[in-house]
Amino acid sequence: MLDRILDGSLMPHGHCLLWRGDLLFLHLVGDFLTVLAYALIPFAIVYFIHKRDDLHFNWLTVLFAGFIAFCGMTHLVGMINIWHGFYFIEGLIKFLTGLISISTAYILWRLMPSFMKVPSIAMLKQRNQELEAVRAELEEANRTLEAKVKQRTHELEVQANTDTVTGIASRFSIIDTLKQCYLQFQRYQHSFSILMIDIDHFKQINDNYGHQIGDDVLHALAHRIEKTIRKTDSVGRYGGEEFLVILPETESDFALNLAERIRHDIETLKLADNLKVTCSIGVSAMLDGISQDELISRADKALYSAKNTGRNQVISYHKKHLEIE
């Protein structure tokens, strides 16, 4: 049987080849290039699948590579058959190639719906454009949100640091400013003074005119004080009808003069319904060895002395002839 397979007597009817150089060249070179291509293609497929872990058709690609390899073998046997008629072997290889080919084609068509789901380059470009548009919208939304958050944060900061009645600094904010001045004094010995201002007989204003008029008086006095002091100074509502003024880089004598100017401006302030108000002011200057609370306490003592000795006047805690204890 082996001799019969290899003796060439099974050559199909009419299959012949003239021994001409041009025919030999066409058949041999054509088959050789085809065999070379069919040998390289399976290696390329296997290499591609090995590098792409995201693809899930490994067994199909192996079948397809086998189909191409068998096609190459038919051409290889065809080259050999020019001298030796191994036509039975060639027929067997072709039969196996046909089986692998029809199996590959069948499975390929079965998998066509899955292949169709793989996006094309045009689809990928379109998706990329859509994603880019969404990304731009998200960035714009983030910028808008950040702006709103920043604005809201600023509004909350202003709300926390601003007294709602007078529009000047709140107690929290003015105490924070005082703390900063105190730290500057401790580190660099930058002198500063404070004024504690209290509206005289403010309770009578609320009782006789109502709390709305009282709030209007507080608002008017706050802005008159803010207008009188320097730009480097700070004023805040300390509580009720009391105002705290902080005067950086200011000695007690200048602070006393500025307090007197504030007292005079408030005394001459024209309010609604010809209402007149006055204020009492206590002055205290920062010195070595006293704390921030002691500084405020001294200004309070000076203020109470001004109120207890007739009101509508300025008294400094450090005034030599009014040393208050």
C-alpha atoms as a PDB file:
ATOM      1  CA  MET A   1       0.000   0.000   0.000  1.00  0.00           C
ATOM      2  CA  LEU A   2       2.872   2.340   0.878  1.00  0.00           C
ATOM      3  CA  ASP A   3       4.571   1.636  -2.449  1.00  0.00           C
ATOM      4  CA  ARG A   4       1.300   2.256  -4.268  1.00  0.00           C
ATOM      5  CA  ILE A   5       0.850   5.608  -2.473  1.00  0.00           C
ATOM      6  CA  LEU A   6       4.366   6.766  -3.385  1.00  0.00           C
ATOM      7  CA  ASP A   7       4.808   5.330  -6.923  1.00  0.00           C
ATOM      8  CA  GLY A   8       2.900   8.059  -8.712  1.00  0.00           C
ATOM      9  CA  SER A   9       0.570   5.699 -10.552  1.00  0.00           C
ATOM     10  CA  LEU A  10      -2.456   7.379  -8.984  1.00  0.00           C
ATOM     11  CA  MET A  11      -1.957  10.553 -11.032  1.00  0.00           C
ATOM     12  CA  PRO A  12      -5.415  11.936 -12.027  1.00  0.00           C
ATOM     13  CA  HIS A  13      -6.432  11.669 -15.669  1.00  0.00           C
ATOM     14  CA  GLY A  14      -5.125  14.521 -17.809  1.00  0.00           C
ATOM     15  CA  HIS A  15      -2.727  15.860 -15.180  1.00  0.00           C
ATOM     16  CA  CYS A  16       0.588  16.452 -16.893  1.00  0.00           C
ATOM     17  CA  LEU A  17       3.338  19.027 -17.072  1.00  0.00           C
ATOM     18  CA  LEU A  18       5.567  19.751 -20.041  1.00  0.00           C
ATOM     19  CA  TRP A  19       9.227  19.998 -19.195  1.00  0.00           C
ATOM     20  CA  ARG A  20       9.619  23.574 -20.288  1.00  0.00           C
ATOM     21  CA  GLY A  21      11.675  26.146 -18.416  1.00  0.00           C
ATOM     22  CA  ASP A  22       8.979  28.816 -18.352  1.00  0.00           C
ATOM     23  CA  LEU A  23       6.356  26.397 -17.042  1.00  0.00           C
ATOM     24  CA  LEU A  24       8.751  25.063 -14.395  1.00  0.00           C
ATOM     25  CA  PHE A  25       9.612  28.614 -13.325  1.00  0.00           C
ATOM     26  CA  LEU A  26       5.954  29.688 -13.015  1.00  0.00           C
ATOM     27  CA  HIS A  27       4.919  26.566 -11.086  1.00  0.00           C
ATOM     28  CA  LEU A  28       7.927  26.320  -8.827  1.00  0.00           C
ATOM     29  CA  VAL A  29       8.290  30.038  -7.992  1.00  0.00           C
ATOM     30  CA  GLY A  30       4.523  30.504  -7.663  1.00  0.00           C
ATOM     31  CA  ASP A  31       4.176  27.530  -5.328  1.00  0.00           C
ATOM     32  CA  PHE A  32       7.283  28.496  -3.370  1.00  0.00           C
ATOM     33  CA  LEU A  33       6.020  32.068  -2.712  1.00  0.00           C
ATOM     34  CA  THR A  34       2.610  30.701  -1.780  1.00  0.00           C
ATOM     35  CA  VAL A  35       4.157  28.186   0.636  1.00  0.00           C
ATOM     36  CA  LEU A  36       6.310  30.943   2.155  1.00  0.00           C
ATOM     37  CA  ALA A  37       3.291  33.230   2.641  1.00  0.00           C
ATOM     38  CA  TYR A  38       1.148  30.411   4.071  1.00  0.00           C
ATOM     39  CA  ALA A  39       3.963  29.626   6.495  1.00  0.00           C
ATOM     40  CA  LEU A  40       4.360  33.227   7.678  1.00  0.00           C
ATOM     41  CA  ILE A  41       0.664  34.047   8.067  1.00  0.00           C
ATOM     42  CA  PRO A  42      -0.047  31.498  10.877  1.00  0.00           C
ATOM     43  CA  PHE A  43       2.941  32.798  12.827  1.00  0.00           C
ATOM     44  CA  ALA A  44       1.646  36.352  12.440  1.00  0.00           C
ATOM     45  CA  ILE A  45      -1.815  35.295  13.662  1.00  0.00           C
ATOM     46  CA  VAL A  46      -0.417  33.461  16.701  1.00  0.00           C
ATOM     47  CA  TYR A  47       1.850  36.421  17.540  1.00  0.00           C
ATOM     48  CA  PHE A  48      -1.077  38.853  17.301  1.00  0.00           C
ATOM     49  CA  ILE A  49      -3.305  36.749  19.553  1.00  0.00           C
ATOM     50  CA  HIS A  50      -0.471  36.336  22.063  1.00  0.00           C
ATOM     51  CA  LYS A  51      -0.056  40.104  22.337  1.00  0.00           C
ATOM     52  CA  ARG A  52      -3.777  40.890  22.491  1.00  0.00           C
ATOM     53  CA  ASP A  53      -5.110  39.476  25.743  1.00  0.00           C
ATOM     54  CA  ASP A  54      -8.421  41.268  25.257  1.00  0.00           C
ATOM     55  CA  LEU A  55      -9.481  39.112  22.314  1.00  0.00           C
ATOM     56  CA  HIS A  56     -11.518  35.989  23.067  1.00  0.00           C
ATOM     57  CA  PHE A  57     -11.336  34.046  19.755  1.00  0.00           C
ATOM     58  CA  ASN A  58      -8.106  32.144  20.373  1.00  0.00           C
ATOM     59  CA  TRP A  59      -9.439  28.738  19.329  1.00  0.00           C
ATOM     60  CA  LEU A  60     -10.915  30.194  16.137  1.00  0.00           C
ATOM     61  CA  THR A  61      -7.610  31.796  15.202  1.00  0.00           C
ATOM     62  CA  VAL A  62      -5.828  28.474  15.783  1.00  0.00           C
ATOM     63  CA  LEU A  63      -8.314  26.783  13.454  1.00  0.00           C
ATOM     64  CA  PHE A  64      -7.846  29.539  10.891  1.00  0.00           C
ATOM     65  CA  ALA A  65      -4.058  29.236  11.174  1.00  0.00           C
ATOM     66  CA  GLY A  66      -4.360  25.486  10.638  1.00  0.00           C
ATOM     67  CA  PHE A  67      -6.478  26.059   7.546  1.00  0.00           C
ATOM     68  CA  ILE A  68      -3.779  28.361   6.082  1.00  0.00           C
ATOM     69  CA  ALA A  69      -1.011  25.912   7.006  1.00  0.00           C
ATOM     70  CA  PHE A  70      -2.765  23.030   5.212  1.00  0.00           C
ATOM     71  CA  CYS A  71      -3.252  25.242   2.160  1.00  0.00           C
ATOM     72  CA  GLY A  72       0.507  25.840   2.168  1.00  0.00           C
ATOM     73  CA  MET A  73       1.157  22.105   2.408  1.00  0.00           C
ATOM     74  CA  THR A  74      -0.887  21.439  -0.746  1.00  0.00           C
ATOM     75  CA  HIS A  75       1.351  23.816  -2.668  1.00  0.00           C
ATOM     76  CA  LEU A  76       4.455  22.236  -1.157  1.00  0.00           C
ATOM     77  CA  VAL A  77       3.333  18.772  -2.286  1.00  0.00           C
ATOM     78  CA  GLY A  78       2.538  20.282  -5.668  1.00  0.00           C
ATOM     79  CA  MET A  79       6.184  21.346  -6.014  1.00  0.00           C
ATOM     80  CA  ILE A  80       7.365  17.858  -5.103  1.00  0.00           C
ATOM     81  CA  ASN A  81       4.893  16.249  -7.506  1.00  0.00           C
ATOM     82  CA  ILE A  82       6.676  17.815 -10.442  1.00  0.00           C
ATOM     83  CA  TRP A  83       9.362  15.110  -9.998  1.00  0.00           C
ATOM     84  CA  HIS A  84       7.603  12.552  -7.769  1.00  0.00           C
ATOM     85  CA  GLY A  85       3.884  11.891  -8.104  1.00  0.00           C
ATOM     86  CA  PHE A  86       2.716  11.798  -4.485  1.00  0.00           C
ATOM     87  CA  TYR A  87      -0.825  12.498  -5.637  1.00  0.00           C
ATOM     88  CA  PHE A  88      -2.490  10.344  -2.998  1.00  0.00           C
ATOM     89  CA  ILE A  89      -0.778  12.353  -0.274  1.00  0.00           C
ATOM     90  CA  GLU A  90      -1.654  15.576  -2.053  1.00  0.00           C
ATOM     91  CA  GLY A  91      -5.300  14.487  -2.318  1.00  0.00           C
ATOM     92  CA  LEU A  92      -5.391  13.567   1.371  1.00  0.00           C
ATOM     93  CA  ILE A  93      -3.972  16.965   2.325  1.00  0.00           C
ATOM     94  CA  LYS A  94      -6.489  18.700   0.100  1.00  0.00           C
ATOM     95  CA  PHE A  95      -9.296  16.676   1.675  1.00  0.00           C
ATOM     96  CA  LEU A  96      -8.186  17.666   5.166  1.00  0.00           C
ATOM     97  CA  THR A  97      -7.780  21.247   4.014  1.00  0.00           C
ATOM     98  CA  GLY A  98     -11.348  21.181   2.722  1.00  0.00           C
ATOM     99  CA  LEU A  99     -12.644  19.881   6.074  1.00  0.00           C
ATOM    100  CA  ILE A 100     -10.767  22.540   8.021  1.00  0.00           C
ATOM    101  CA  SER A 101     -11.860  25.218   5.534  1.00  0.00           C
ATOM    102  CA  ILE A 102     -15.564  24.360   5.711  1.00  0.00           C
ATOM    103  CA  SER A 103     -15.352  24.095   9.519  1.00  0.00           C
ATOM    104  CA  THR A 104     -13.663  27.497   9.729  1.00  0.00           C
ATOM    105  CA  ALA A 105     -16.237  29.054   7.404  1.00  0.00           C
ATOM    106  CA  TYR A 106     -19.130  27.566   9.409  1.00  0.00           C
ATOM    107  CA  ILE A 107     -17.801  28.759  12.749  1.00  0.00           C
ATOM    108  CA  LEU A 108     -16.928  32.132  11.234  1.00  0.00           C
ATOM    109  CA  TRP A 109     -20.527  32.681  10.140  1.00  0.00           C
ATOM    110  CA  ARG A 110     -21.778  31.550  13.538  1.00  0.00           C
ATOM    111  CA  LEU A 111     -19.579  34.177  15.158  1.00  0.00           C
ATOM    112  CA  MET A 112     -20.512  36.901  12.681  1.00  0.00           C
ATOM    113  CA  PRO A 113     -22.922  38.628  15.156  1.00  0.00           C
ATOM    114  CA  SER A 114     -20.078  38.871  17.683  1.00  0.00           C
ATOM    115  CA  PHE A 115     -17.728  40.210  15.025  1.00  0.00           C
ATOM    116  CA  MET A 116     -20.293  42.811  14.002  1.00  0.00           C
ATOM    117  CA  LYS A 117     -20.301  44.141  17.544  1.00  0.00           C
ATOM    118  CA  VAL A 118     -16.626  45.007  17.283  1.00  0.00           C
ATOM    119  CA  PRO A 119     -16.594  48.746  16.508  1.00  0.00           C
ATOM    120  CA  SER A 120     -15.042  49.947  13.292  1.00  0.00           C
ATOM    121  CA  ILE A 121     -12.501  52.747  13.100  1.00  0.00           C
ATOM    122  CA  ALA A 122     -15.230  55.158  12.004  1.00  0.00           C
ATOM    123  CA  MET A 123     -17.385  54.087  14.954  1.00  0.00           C
ATOM    124  CA  LEU A 124     -14.453  54.473  17.324  1.00  0.00           C
ATOM    125  CA  LYS A 125     -13.799  57.976  15.995  1.00  0.00           C
ATOM    126  CA  GLN A 126     -17.460  58.833  16.466  1.00  0.00           C
ATOM    127  CA  ARG A 127     -17.433  57.408  19.996  1.00  0.00           C
ATOM    128  CA  ASN A 128     -14.254  59.322  20.751  1.00  0.00           C
ATOM    129  CA  GLN A 129     -15.892  62.521  19.531  1.00  0.00           C
ATOM    130  CA  GLU A 130     -18.930  61.810  21.696  1.00  0.00           C
ATOM    131  CA  LEU A 131     -16.719  61.084  24.690  1.00  0.00           C
ATOM    132  CA  GLU A 132     -14.766  64.258  24.035  1.00  0.00           C
ATOM    133  CA  ALA A 133     -18.011  66.237  23.940  1.00  0.00           C
ATOM    134  CA  VAL A 134     -19.134  64.628  27.210  1.00  0.00           C
ATOM    135  CA  ARG A 135     -15.731  65.315  28.746  1.00  0.00           C
ATOM    136  CA  ALA A 136     -15.951  68.960  27.697  1.00  0.00           C
ATOM    137  CA  GLU A 137     -19.443  69.180  29.209  1.00  0.00           C
ATOM    138  CA  LEU A 138     -18.181  67.601  32.439  1.00  0.00           C
ATOM    139  CA  GLU A 139     -15.243  70.007  32.592  1.00  0.00           C
ATOM    140  CA  GLU A 140     -17.581  72.933  32.034  1.00  0.00           C
ATOM    141  CA  ALA A 141     -19.934  71.580  34.696  1.00  0.00           C
ATOM    142  CA  ASN A 142     -16.991  71.163  37.075  1.00  0.00           C
ATOM    143  CA  ARG A 143     -15.824  74.711  36.390  1.00  0.00           C
ATOM    144  CA  THR A 144     -19.346  75.998  36.981  1.00  0.00           C
ATOM    145  CA  LEU A 145     -19.654  73.940  40.148  1.00  0.00           C
ATOM    146  CA  GLU A 146     -16.260  75.111  41.397  1.00  0.00           C
ATOM    147  CA  ALA A 147     -17.254  78.718  40.703  1.00  0.00           C
ATOM    148  CA  LYS A 148     -20.533  78.230  42.580  1.00  0.00           C
ATOM    149  CA  VAL A 149     -18.751  76.524  45.477  1.00  0.00           C
ATOM    150  CA  LYS A 150     -16.178  79.318  45.563  1.00  0.00           C
ATOM    151  CA  GLN A 151     -18.907  81.942  45.457  1.00  0.00           C
ATOM    152  CA  ARG A 152     -20.930  80.178  48.135  1.00  0.00           C
ATOM    153  CA  THR A 153     -17.835  79.753  50.298  1.00  0.00           C
ATOM    154  CA  HIS A 154     -17.136  83.461  49.934  1.00  0.00           C
ATOM    155  CA  GLU A 155     -20.732  84.248  50.830  1.00  0.00           C
ATOM    156  CA  LEU A 156     -20.515  82.035  53.914  1.00  0.00           C
ATOM    157  CA  GLU A 157     -17.217  83.640  54.921  1.00  0.00           C
ATOM    158  CA  VAL A 158     -18.714  87.097  54.497  1.00  0.00           C
ATOM    159  CA  GLN A 159     -21.795  86.006  56.409  1.00  0.00           C
ATOM    160  CA  ALA A 160     -19.691  84.561  59.229  1.00  0.00           C
ATOM    161  CA  ASN A 161     -17.413  87.600  59.381  1.00  0.00           C
ATOM    162  CA  THR A 162     -20.068  90.310  58.934  1.00  0.00           C
ATOM    163  CA  ASP A 163     -22.605  91.526  61.450  1.00  0.00           C
ATOM    164  CA  THR A 164     -26.054  91.324  59.854  1.00  0.00           C
ATOM    165  CA  VAL A 165     -27.405  94.488  61.521  1.00  0.00           C
ATOM    166  CA  THR A 166     -24.532  96.925  61.034  1.00  0.00           C
ATOM    167  CA  GLY A 167     -22.734  95.471  58.011  1.00  0.00           C
ATOM    168  CA  ILE A 168     -19.328  95.730  59.727  1.00  0.00           C
ATOM    169  CA  ALA A 169     -17.140  92.952  61.121  1.00  0.00           C
ATOM    170  CA  SER A 170     -18.783  90.469  63.443  1.00  0.00           C
ATOM    171  CA  ARG A 171     -17.527  89.735  66.963  1.00  0.00           C
ATOM    172  CA  PHE A 172     -15.742  86.624  65.684  1.00  0.00           C
ATOM    173  CA  SER A 173     -13.997  88.575  62.914  1.00  0.00           C
ATOM    174  CA  ILE A 174     -12.917  91.553  65.016  1.00  0.00           C
ATOM    175  CA  ILE A 175     -11.565  89.273  67.768  1.00  0.00           C
ATOM    176  CA  ASP A 176      -9.593  87.392  65.106  1.00  0.00           C
ATOM    177  CA  THR A 177      -8.131  90.724  63.909  1.00  0.00           C
ATOM    178  CA  LEU A 178      -7.243  91.565  67.516  1.00  0.00           C
ATOM    179  CA  LYS A 179      -5.511  88.195  67.853  1.00  0.00           C
ATOM    180  CA  GLN A 180      -3.398  88.899  64.767  1.00  0.00           C
ATOM    181  CA  CYS A 181      -2.335  92.274  66.152  1.00  0.00           C
ATOM    182  CA  TYR A 182      -1.482  90.655  69.471  1.00  0.00           C
ATOM    183  CA  LEU A 183       0.718  88.062  67.721  1.00  0.00           C
ATOM    184  CA  GLN A 184       2.445  90.843  65.748  1.00  0.00           C
ATOM    185  CA  PHE A 185       3.143  92.668  69.015  1.00  0.00           C
ATOM    186  CA  GLN A 186       4.602  89.545  70.624  1.00  0.00           C
ATOM    187  CA  ARG A 187       6.867  88.834  67.658  1.00  0.00           C
ATOM    188  CA  TYR A 188       7.829  92.289  66.362  1.00  0.00           C
ATOM    189  CA  GLN A 189       6.760  94.628  69.198  1.00  0.00           C
ATOM    190  CA  HIS A 190       4.378  96.483  66.860  1.00  0.00           C
ATOM    191  CA  SER A 191       2.341  98.662  69.172  1.00  0.00           C
ATOM    192  CA  PHE A 192      -1.422  98.989  68.855  1.00  0.00           C
ATOM    193  CA  SER A 193      -4.408 100.321  70.776  1.00  0.00           C
ATOM    194  CA  ILE A 194      -8.077  99.482  71.003  1.00  0.00           C
ATOM    195  CA  LEU A 195     -11.262 101.479  71.565  1.00  0.00           C
ATOM    196  CA  MET A 196     -14.335 100.104  73.273  1.00  0.00           C
ATOM    197  CA  ILE A 197     -17.368 102.177  72.241  1.00  0.00           C
ATOM    198  CA  ASP A 198     -20.799 101.982  73.859  1.00  0.00           C
ATOM    199  CA  ILE A 199     -23.938 103.911  72.858  1.00  0.00           C
ATOM    200  CA  ASP A 200     -25.352 105.914  75.747  1.00  0.00           C
ATOM    201  CA  HIS A 201     -28.890 105.063  76.869  1.00  0.00           C
ATOM    202  CA  PHE A 202     -29.402 102.696  73.959  1.00  0.00           C
ATOM    203  CA  LYS A 203     -32.070 100.756  75.868  1.00  0.00           C
ATOM    204  CA  GLN A 204     -34.228 103.881  75.963  1.00  0.00           C
ATOM    205  CA  ILE A 205     -33.998 104.138  72.181  1.00  0.00           C
ATOM    206  CA  ASN A 206     -35.319 100.581  71.783  1.00  0.00           C
ATOM    207  CA  ASP A 207     -38.040 101.174  74.379  1.00  0.00           C
ATOM    208  CA  ASN A 208     -39.199 104.515  72.984  1.00  0.00           C
ATOM    209  CA  TYR A 209     -38.708 104.039  69.231  1.00  0.00           C
ATOM    210  CA  GLY A 210     -38.701 100.282  68.754  1.00  0.00           C
ATOM    211  CA  HIS A 211     -36.011  97.794  67.863  1.00  0.00           C
ATOM    212  CA  GLN A 212     -36.108  98.665  64.140  1.00  0.00           C
ATOM    213  CA  ILE A 213     -35.060 102.236  64.908  1.00  0.00           C
ATOM    214  CA  GLY A 214     -32.502 100.824  67.300  1.00  0.00           C
ATOM    215  CA  ASP A 215     -31.038  98.691  64.496  1.00  0.00           C
ATOM    216  CA  ASP A 216     -30.971 101.768  62.231  1.00  0.00           C
ATOM    217  CA  VAL A 217     -29.046 103.668  64.905  1.00  0.00           C
ATOM    218  CA  LEU A 218     -26.532 100.827  65.235  1.00  0.00           C
ATOM    219  CA  HIS A 219     -26.099 100.734  61.447  1.00  0.00           C
ATOM    220  CA  ALA A 220     -25.617 104.503  61.187  1.00  0.00           C
ATOM    221  CA  LEU A 221     -23.109 104.657  64.048  1.00  0.00           C
ATOM    222  CA  ALA A 222     -21.148 101.706  62.723  1.00  0.00           C
ATOM    223  CA  HIS A 223     -20.666 103.366  59.361  1.00  0.00           C
ATOM    224  CA  ARG A 224     -19.834 106.709  60.940  1.00  0.00           C
ATOM    225  CA  ILE A 225     -17.110 105.027  62.978  1.00  0.00           C
ATOM    226  CA  GLU A 226     -15.880 103.164  59.886  1.00  0.00           C
ATOM    227  CA  LYS A 227     -15.733 106.455  57.993  1.00  0.00           C
ATOM    228  CA  THR A 228     -13.835 108.252  60.759  1.00  0.00           C
ATOM    229  CA  ILE A 229     -11.091 105.697  61.392  1.00  0.00           C
ATOM    230  CA  ARG A 230      -8.149 105.069  59.058  1.00  0.00           C
ATOM    231  CA  LYS A 231      -8.129 102.451  56.320  1.00  0.00           C
ATOM    232  CA  THR A 232      -5.609 100.408  58.301  1.00  0.00           C
ATOM    233  CA  ASP A 233      -7.905 100.351  61.330  1.00  0.00           C
ATOM    234  CA  SER A 234     -10.697  97.852  61.942  1.00  0.00           C
ATOM    235  CA  VAL A 235     -14.104  98.144  63.591  1.00  0.00           C
ATOM    236  CA  GLY A 236     -16.521  95.399  64.569  1.00  0.00           C
ATOM    237  CA  ARG A 237     -19.637  94.926  66.610  1.00  0.00           C
ATOM    238  CA  TYR A 238     -18.477  93.492  69.909  1.00  0.00           C
ATOM    239  CA  GLY A 239     -21.948  92.825  71.266  1.00  0.00           C
ATOM    240  CA  GLY A 240     -25.270  94.604  71.766  1.00  0.00           C
ATOM    241  CA  GLU A 241     -24.565  98.339  71.407  1.00  0.00           C
ATOM    242  CA  GLU A 242     -20.795  97.986  71.886  1.00  0.00           C
ATOM    243  CA  PHE A 243     -18.193  98.411  69.152  1.00  0.00           C
ATOM    244  CA  LEU A 244     -14.528  97.396  69.217  1.00  0.00           C
ATOM    245  CA  VAL A 245     -12.009  99.415  67.193  1.00  0.00           C
ATOM    246  CA  ILE A 246      -8.464  98.149  66.623  1.00  0.00           C
ATOM    247  CA  LEU A 247      -5.755 100.695  65.785  1.00  0.00           C
ATOM    248  CA  PRO A 248      -2.513  99.078  64.532  1.00  0.00           C
ATOM    249  CA  GLU A 249       0.796 100.912  64.982  1.00  0.00           C
ATOM    250  CA  THR A 250      -0.919 103.386  67.303  1.00  0.00           C
ATOM    251  CA  GLU A 251       0.162 104.718  70.683  1.00  0.00           C
ATOM    252  CA  SER A 252      -2.312 105.641  73.404  1.00  0.00           C
ATOM    253  CA  ASP A 253      -2.146 109.422  72.816  1.00  0.00           C
ATOM    254  CA  PHE A 254      -3.093 109.154  69.137  1.00  0.00           C
ATOM    255  CA  ALA A 255      -5.747 106.581  70.002  1.00  0.00           C
ATOM    256  CA  LEU A 256      -7.189 109.036  72.543  1.00  0.00           C
ATOM    257  CA  ASN A 257      -7.377 111.791  69.928  1.00  0.00           C
ATOM    258  CA  LEU A 258      -9.021 109.492  67.381  1.00  0.00           C
ATOM    259  CA  ALA A 259     -11.531 108.327  69.990  1.00  0.00           C
ATOM    260  CA  GLU A 260     -12.425 111.933  70.744  1.00  0.00           C
ATOM    261  CA  ARG A 261     -12.992 112.570  67.048  1.00  0.00           C
ATOM    262  CA  ILE A 262     -15.276 109.530  66.849  1.00  0.00           C
ATOM    263  CA  ARG A 263     -17.214 110.702  69.918  1.00  0.00           C
ATOM    264  CA  HIS A 264     -17.694 114.146  68.355  1.00  0.00           C
ATOM    265  CA  ASP A 265     -18.812 112.715  64.988  1.00  0.00           C
ATOM    266  CA  ILE A 266     -21.396 110.518  66.673  1.00  0.00           C
ATOM    267  CA  GLU A 267     -22.642 113.384  68.823  1.00  0.00           C
ATOM    268  CA  THR A 268     -23.230 115.510  65.718  1.00  0.00           C
ATOM    269  CA  LEU A 269     -24.689 112.678  63.659  1.00  0.00           C
ATOM    270  CA  LYS A 270     -28.148 113.436  62.269  1.00  0.00           C
ATOM    271  CA  LEU A 271     -30.537 110.530  62.513  1.00  0.00           C
ATOM    272  CA  ALA A 272     -34.163 109.999  61.509  1.00  0.00           C
ATOM    273  CA  ASP A 273     -36.859 111.788  63.560  1.00  0.00           C
ATOM    274  CA  ASN A 274     -34.184 114.244  64.796  1.00  0.00           C
ATOM    275  CA  LEU A 275     -32.873 111.526  67.068  1.00  0.00           C
ATOM    276  CA  LYS A 276     -29.597 112.374  68.797  1.00  0.00           C
ATOM    277  CA  VAL A 277     -27.235 109.855  70.360  1.00  0.00           C
ATOM    278  CA  THR A 278     -23.974 110.016  72.200  1.00  0.00           C
ATOM    279  CA  CYS A 279     -21.391 107.429  73.114  1.00  0.00           C
ATOM    280  CA  SER A 280     -18.801 106.637  75.740  1.00  0.00           C
ATOM    281  CA  ILE A 281     -15.382 105.347  74.755  1.00  0.00           C
ATOM    282  CA  GLY A 282     -12.689 103.485  76.669  1.00  0.00           C
ATOM    283  CA  VAL A 283      -9.128 103.454  75.334  1.00  0.00           C
ATOM    284  CA  SER A 284      -6.437 100.869  76.067  1.00  0.00           C
ATOM    285  CA  ALA A 285      -2.945 100.466  74.595  1.00  0.00           C
ATOM    286  CA  MET A 286      -0.990  97.237  74.324  1.00  0.00           C
ATOM    287  CA  LEU A 287       1.933  96.926  76.749  1.00  0.00           C
ATOM    288  CA  ASP A 288       4.476  94.259  77.601  1.00  0.00           C
ATOM    289  CA  GLY A 289       3.324  91.755  80.153  1.00  0.00           C
ATOM    290  CA  ILE A 290      -0.436  91.920  79.543  1.00  0.00           C
ATOM    291  CA  SER A 291      -2.558  89.416  77.657  1.00  0.00           C
ATOM    292  CA  GLN A 292      -5.134  89.941  74.956  1.00  0.00           C
ATOM    293  CA  ASP A 293      -7.955  89.449  77.459  1.00  0.00           C
ATOM    294  CA  GLU A 294      -6.325  91.909  79.860  1.00  0.00           C
ATOM    295  CA  LEU A 295      -6.142  94.479  77.072  1.00  0.00           C
ATOM    296  CA  ILE A 296      -9.903  94.165  76.474  1.00  0.00           C
ATOM    297  CA  SER A 297     -10.567  94.207  80.209  1.00  0.00           C
ATOM    298  CA  ARG A 298      -8.676  97.506  80.564  1.00  0.00           C
ATOM    299  CA  ALA A 299     -10.651  99.060  77.725  1.00  0.00           C
ATOM    300  CA  ASP A 300     -13.865  97.865  79.417  1.00  0.00           C
ATOM    301  CA  LYS A 301     -12.809  99.423  82.700  1.00  0.00           C
ATOM    302  CA  ALA A 302     -12.062 102.713  80.967  1.00  0.00           C
ATOM    303  CA  LEU A 303     -15.448 102.546  79.225  1.00  0.00           C
ATOM    304  CA  TYR A 304     -17.334 101.887  82.451  1.00  0.00           C
ATOM    305  CA  SER A 305     -15.485 104.786  84.073  1.00  0.00           C
ATOM    306  CA  ALA A 306     -16.616 107.054  81.226  1.00  0.00           C
ATOM    307  CA  LYS A 307     -20.222 105.918  81.614  1.00  0.00           C
ATOM    308  CA  ASN A 308     -20.188 106.201  85.403  1.00  0.00           C
ATOM    309  CA  THR A 309     -18.751 109.725  85.326  1.00  0.00           C
ATOM    310  CA  GLY A 310     -21.324 111.305  83.045  1.00  0.00           C
ATOM    311  CA  ARG A 311     -21.187 109.492  79.656  1.00  0.00           C
ATOM    312  CA  ASN A 312     -20.439 111.102  76.255  1.00  0.00           C
ATOM    313  CA  GLN A 313     -16.732 111.197  76.973  1.00  0.00           C
ATOM    314  CA  VAL A 314     -13.459 109.379  76.280  1.00  0.00           C
ATOM    315  CA  ILE A 315     -11.283 107.902  78.996  1.00  0.00           C
ATOM    316  CA  SER A 316      -7.981 106.105  78.503  1.00  0.00           C
ATOM    317  CA  TYR A 317      -6.906 103.407  80.899  1.00  0.00           C
ATOM    318  CA  HIS A 318      -3.329 104.655  80.654  1.00  0.00           C
ATOM    319  CA  LYS A 319      -4.073 108.320  81.162  1.00  0.00           C
ATOM    320  CA  LYS A 320      -1.834 109.337  84.029  1.00  0.00           C
ATOM    321  CA  HIS A 321      -4.516 111.192  85.990  1.00  0.00           C
ATOM    322  CA  LEU A 322      -7.102 108.384  85.433  1.00  0.00           C
ATOM    323  CA  GLU A 323      -5.287 105.176  86.277  1.00  0.00           C
ATOM    324  CA  ILE A 324      -8.264 102.806  86.606  1.00  0.00           C
ATOM    325  CA  GLU A 325      -8.059  99.707  88.744  1.00  0.00           C
END
